[in-house]
Amino acid sequence: MISHAKWAVVAKWALLTGLLAGGGYAGVAGVLQVAGKRTPAGLSVTPPEFDLGEHKAGHVAKVSVQLVNDSPAPARVLGVYKDCTCLMVDAPFPVEIPAGGVITIPVEVAFPAPPGPFVSKLAFFTDEQHIRQLRVKLAGATSRG
């Protein structure tokens, strides 16, 4: 069995190599959200990915992210990391998800000026021992005209 101290090191490594290096969403089992699958802590994000389509620069797409708590105890989401100023998250952090509950968080994505595809990422941070992040990927394309 891996100690909590070693999990903390693994979680930091996964955060640095995953978010900052633009890595994928297959996290470390028991530490990070694994695209759409439930974790031992009972927290998940639905959907883990959005395809926003193609729109002109400045278009604002509105989506809703659901954070699900299947555990028998409440969970807290402490805040959110956004890798782009094009993302707006409307939630009063910290926010509590009741046991067996779901919260919906509105997210707005402003399509960036340069034409072409883009990918933006969110990471919701929790105070749960076995899951520190719930990740969301938002992809789209800015049209030329």
C-alpha atoms as a PDB file:
ATOM      1  CA  MET A   1       0.000   0.000   0.000  1.00  0.00           C
ATOM      2  CA  ILE A   2       1.274   3.465  -0.884  1.00  0.00           C
ATOM      3  CA  SER A   3       1.470   6.007   1.944  1.00  0.00           C
ATOM      4  CA  HIS A   4      -0.374   9.326   1.850  1.00  0.00           C
ATOM      5  CA  ALA A   5       2.957  11.161   1.568  1.00  0.00           C
ATOM      6  CA  LYS A   6       3.861   9.194  -1.566  1.00  0.00           C
ATOM      7  CA  TRP A   7       0.401   9.866  -3.065  1.00  0.00           C
ATOM      8  CA  ALA A   8       0.976  13.580  -2.477  1.00  0.00           C
ATOM      9  CA  VAL A   9       4.246  13.387  -4.433  1.00  0.00           C
ATOM     10  CA  VAL A  10       2.513  11.458  -7.235  1.00  0.00           C
ATOM     11  CA  ALA A  11      -0.337  14.002  -7.321  1.00  0.00           C
ATOM     12  CA  LYS A  12       2.109  16.920  -7.582  1.00  0.00           C
ATOM     13  CA  TRP A  13       4.021  15.139 -10.342  1.00  0.00           C
ATOM     14  CA  ALA A  14       0.800  14.403 -12.229  1.00  0.00           C
ATOM     15  CA  LEU A  15      -0.333  18.016 -11.914  1.00  0.00           C
ATOM     16  CA  LEU A  16       2.963  19.394 -13.174  1.00  0.00           C
ATOM     17  CA  THR A  17       3.368  16.947 -16.030  1.00  0.00           C
ATOM     18  CA  GLY A  18      -0.334  16.784 -16.939  1.00  0.00           C
ATOM     19  CA  LEU A  19      -1.648  20.333 -16.722  1.00  0.00           C
ATOM     20  CA  LEU A  20       1.474  22.365 -17.324  1.00  0.00           C
ATOM     21  CA  ALA A  21       2.815  20.182 -20.102  1.00  0.00           C
ATOM     22  CA  GLY A  22      -0.605  19.926 -21.750  1.00  0.00           C
ATOM     23  CA  GLY A  23      -0.848  16.209 -21.102  1.00  0.00           C
ATOM     24  CA  GLY A  24      -3.865  13.984 -21.503  1.00  0.00           C
ATOM     25  CA  TYR A  25      -6.581  13.122 -19.076  1.00  0.00           C
ATOM     26  CA  ALA A  26      -5.636   9.602 -18.068  1.00  0.00           C
ATOM     27  CA  GLY A  27      -4.675  10.391 -14.481  1.00  0.00           C
ATOM     28  CA  VAL A  28      -3.043   8.371 -11.744  1.00  0.00           C
ATOM     29  CA  ALA A  29      -5.627   5.904 -10.403  1.00  0.00           C
ATOM     30  CA  GLY A  30      -6.920   6.963  -7.009  1.00  0.00           C
ATOM     31  CA  VAL A  31      -5.464  10.465  -7.272  1.00  0.00           C
ATOM     32  CA  LEU A  32      -6.881  12.170 -10.356  1.00  0.00           C
ATOM     33  CA  GLN A  33     -10.122  12.005 -12.267  1.00  0.00           C
ATOM     34  CA  VAL A  34      -9.834   9.449 -15.052  1.00  0.00           C
ATOM     35  CA  ALA A  35     -11.961  10.639 -17.982  1.00  0.00           C
ATOM     36  CA  GLY A  36     -15.542   9.995 -16.924  1.00  0.00           C
ATOM     37  CA  LYS A  37     -14.868   7.063 -14.567  1.00  0.00           C
ATOM     38  CA  ARG A  38     -15.694   7.058 -10.878  1.00  0.00           C
ATOM     39  CA  THR A  39     -12.800   7.275  -8.447  1.00  0.00           C
ATOM     40  CA  PRO A  40     -12.548   5.614  -5.027  1.00  0.00           C
ATOM     41  CA  ALA A  41     -13.531   8.925  -3.406  1.00  0.00           C
ATOM     42  CA  GLY A  42     -16.828   8.922  -5.340  1.00  0.00           C
ATOM     43  CA  LEU A  43     -16.217  12.201  -7.183  1.00  0.00           C
ATOM     44  CA  SER A  44     -16.538  12.648 -10.929  1.00  0.00           C
ATOM     45  CA  VAL A  45     -17.072  15.305 -13.565  1.00  0.00           C
ATOM     46  CA  THR A  46     -19.665  15.016 -16.328  1.00  0.00           C
ATOM     47  CA  PRO A  47     -18.891  15.417 -19.146  1.00  0.00           C
ATOM     48  CA  PRO A  48     -15.093  15.391 -18.947  1.00  0.00           C
ATOM     49  CA  GLU A  49     -14.759  16.816 -22.491  1.00  0.00           C
ATOM     50  CA  PHE A  50     -16.656  19.326 -24.619  1.00  0.00           C
ATOM     51  CA  ASP A  51     -16.528  19.773 -28.401  1.00  0.00           C
ATOM     52  CA  LEU A  52     -17.521  23.415 -28.893  1.00  0.00           C
ATOM     53  CA  GLY A  53     -17.533  23.329 -32.697  1.00  0.00           C
ATOM     54  CA  GLU A  54     -16.317  26.107 -34.989  1.00  0.00           C
ATOM     55  CA  HIS A  55     -17.235  29.777 -34.502  1.00  0.00           C
ATOM     56  CA  LYS A  56     -15.895  33.275 -35.194  1.00  0.00           C
ATOM     57  CA  ALA A  57     -13.379  34.900 -32.850  1.00  0.00           C
ATOM     58  CA  GLY A  58     -15.100  36.428 -29.832  1.00  0.00           C
ATOM     59  CA  HIS A  59     -18.053  34.010 -29.913  1.00  0.00           C
ATOM     60  CA  VAL A  60     -18.937  32.914 -26.372  1.00  0.00           C
ATOM     61  CA  ALA A  61     -19.959  29.272 -25.914  1.00  0.00           C
ATOM     62  CA  LYS A  62     -21.854  28.425 -22.731  1.00  0.00           C
ATOM     63  CA  VAL A  63     -21.637  24.939 -21.223  1.00  0.00           C
ATOM     64  CA  SER A  64     -22.524  23.345 -17.891  1.00  0.00           C
ATOM     65  CA  VAL A  65     -20.160  21.092 -15.971  1.00  0.00           C
ATOM     66  CA  GLN A  66     -21.643  18.714 -13.416  1.00  0.00           C
ATOM     67  CA  LEU A  67     -19.589  17.680 -10.394  1.00  0.00           C
ATOM     68  CA  VAL A  68     -20.990  14.460  -8.932  1.00  0.00           C
ATOM     69  CA  ASN A  69     -20.416  13.177  -5.391  1.00  0.00           C
ATOM     70  CA  ASP A  70     -21.388   9.502  -5.087  1.00  0.00           C
ATOM     71  CA  SER A  71     -19.786   9.158  -1.668  1.00  0.00           C
ATOM     72  CA  PRO A  72     -21.731   8.978   1.630  1.00  0.00           C
ATOM     73  CA  ALA A  73     -20.093  12.198   2.893  1.00  0.00           C
ATOM     74  CA  PRO A  74     -20.086  15.784   1.618  1.00  0.00           C
ATOM     75  CA  ALA A  75     -17.122  16.937  -0.496  1.00  0.00           C
ATOM     76  CA  ARG A  76     -15.734  20.422  -1.030  1.00  0.00           C
ATOM     77  CA  VAL A  77     -14.458  21.977  -4.231  1.00  0.00           C
ATOM     78  CA  LEU A  78     -11.936  24.606  -3.193  1.00  0.00           C
ATOM     79  CA  GLY A  79     -11.346  26.378  -6.485  1.00  0.00           C
ATOM     80  CA  VAL A  80     -10.566  26.023 -10.166  1.00  0.00           C
ATOM     81  CA  TYR A  81      -7.444  26.308 -12.323  1.00  0.00           C
ATOM     82  CA  LYS A  82      -8.038  27.784 -15.801  1.00  0.00           C
ATOM     83  CA  ASP A  83      -5.270  27.511 -18.390  1.00  0.00           C
ATOM     84  CA  CYS A  84      -6.715  30.329 -20.517  1.00  0.00           C
ATOM     85  CA  THR A  85      -8.132  33.813 -19.925  1.00  0.00           C
ATOM     86  CA  CYS A  86     -10.795  32.790 -22.449  1.00  0.00           C
ATOM     87  CA  LEU A  87     -12.513  30.715 -19.708  1.00  0.00           C
ATOM     88  CA  MET A  88     -15.031  32.114 -17.218  1.00  0.00           C
ATOM     89  CA  VAL A  89     -16.276  29.914 -14.366  1.00  0.00           C
ATOM     90  CA  ASP A  90     -19.304  31.128 -12.420  1.00  0.00           C
ATOM     91  CA  ALA A  91     -19.133  29.496  -8.984  1.00  0.00           C
ATOM     92  CA  PRO A  92     -18.647  30.831  -5.427  1.00  0.00           C
ATOM     93  CA  PHE A  93     -15.636  28.781  -4.313  1.00  0.00           C
ATOM     94  CA  PRO A  94     -15.307  26.985  -2.016  1.00  0.00           C
ATOM     95  CA  VAL A  95     -18.508  25.078  -2.748  1.00  0.00           C
ATOM     96  CA  GLU A  96     -19.814  21.936  -1.040  1.00  0.00           C
ATOM     97  CA  ILE A  97     -21.277  18.968  -2.881  1.00  0.00           C
ATOM     98  CA  PRO A  98     -23.665  17.110  -0.568  1.00  0.00           C
ATOM     99  CA  ALA A  99     -23.380  13.351  -0.104  1.00  0.00           C
ATOM    100  CA  GLY A 100     -24.975  11.716  -3.139  1.00  0.00           C
ATOM    101  CA  GLY A 101     -25.380  15.154  -4.710  1.00  0.00           C
ATOM    102  CA  VAL A 102     -24.605  16.965  -7.933  1.00  0.00           C
ATOM    103  CA  ILE A 103     -23.758  20.598  -8.542  1.00  0.00           C
ATOM    104  CA  THR A 104     -23.833  22.320 -11.911  1.00  0.00           C
ATOM    105  CA  ILE A 105     -21.196  24.914 -12.700  1.00  0.00           C
ATOM    106  CA  PRO A 106     -21.698  27.273 -15.662  1.00  0.00           C
ATOM    107  CA  VAL A 107     -18.628  27.801 -17.846  1.00  0.00           C
ATOM    108  CA  GLU A 108     -18.206  30.299 -20.681  1.00  0.00           C
ATOM    109  CA  VAL A 109     -15.547  29.983 -23.370  1.00  0.00           C
ATOM    110  CA  ALA A 110     -14.668  33.000 -25.530  1.00  0.00           C
ATOM    111  CA  PHE A 111     -13.270  31.817 -28.859  1.00  0.00           C
ATOM    112  CA  PRO A 112      -9.726  33.199 -29.248  1.00  0.00           C
ATOM    113  CA  ALA A 113      -8.678  35.552 -32.072  1.00  0.00           C
ATOM    114  CA  PRO A 114      -6.195  33.385 -33.978  1.00  0.00           C
ATOM    115  CA  PRO A 115      -8.034  31.136 -36.455  1.00  0.00           C
ATOM    116  CA  GLY A 116      -7.678  27.393 -36.039  1.00  0.00           C
ATOM    117  CA  PRO A 117      -8.234  24.714 -33.393  1.00  0.00           C
ATOM    118  CA  PHE A 118      -7.755  25.317 -29.681  1.00  0.00           C
ATOM    119  CA  VAL A 119      -7.949  23.297 -26.468  1.00  0.00           C
ATOM    120  CA  SER A 120      -8.521  24.789 -23.034  1.00  0.00           C
ATOM    121  CA  LYS A 121      -8.504  23.001 -19.685  1.00  0.00           C
ATOM    122  CA  LEU A 122     -10.092  23.352 -16.274  1.00  0.00           C
ATOM    123  CA  ALA A 123      -9.066  21.579 -13.081  1.00  0.00           C
ATOM    124  CA  PHE A 124     -11.436  21.766 -10.109  1.00  0.00           C
ATOM    125  CA  PHE A 125      -9.497  21.267  -6.849  1.00  0.00           C
ATOM    126  CA  THR A 126     -11.041  19.331  -3.968  1.00  0.00           C
ATOM    127  CA  ASP A 127     -10.098  18.673  -0.353  1.00  0.00           C
ATOM    128  CA  GLU A 128     -10.663  14.920  -0.747  1.00  0.00           C
ATOM    129  CA  GLN A 129      -7.768  12.687   0.297  1.00  0.00           C
ATOM    130  CA  HIS A 130      -7.819  10.417  -2.773  1.00  0.00           C
ATOM    131  CA  ILE A 131      -8.846  12.853  -5.486  1.00  0.00           C
ATOM    132  CA  ARG A 132      -7.410  16.317  -5.660  1.00  0.00           C
ATOM    133  CA  GLN A 133      -8.647  17.349  -9.116  1.00  0.00           C
ATOM    134  CA  LEU A 134     -11.567  16.947 -11.467  1.00  0.00           C
ATOM    135  CA  ARG A 135     -10.479  17.852 -15.002  1.00  0.00           C
ATOM    136  CA  VAL A 136     -12.429  19.176 -17.968  1.00  0.00           C
ATOM    137  CA  LYS A 137     -11.205  19.617 -21.547  1.00  0.00           C
ATOM    138  CA  LEU A 138     -12.872  22.173 -23.871  1.00  0.00           C
ATOM    139  CA  ALA A 139     -11.968  22.043 -27.559  1.00  0.00           C
ATOM    140  CA  GLY A 140     -13.123  24.070 -30.539  1.00  0.00           C
ATOM    141  CA  ALA A 141     -11.950  25.948 -33.601  1.00  0.00           C
ATOM    142  CA  THR A 142     -11.982  29.626 -34.482  1.00  0.00           C
ATOM    143  CA  SER A 143     -13.092  30.198 -38.069  1.00  0.00           C
ATOM    144  CA  ARG A 144     -11.217  32.482 -40.452  1.00  0.00           C
ATOM    145  CA  GLY A 145     -14.136  34.706 -41.339  1.00  0.00           C
END
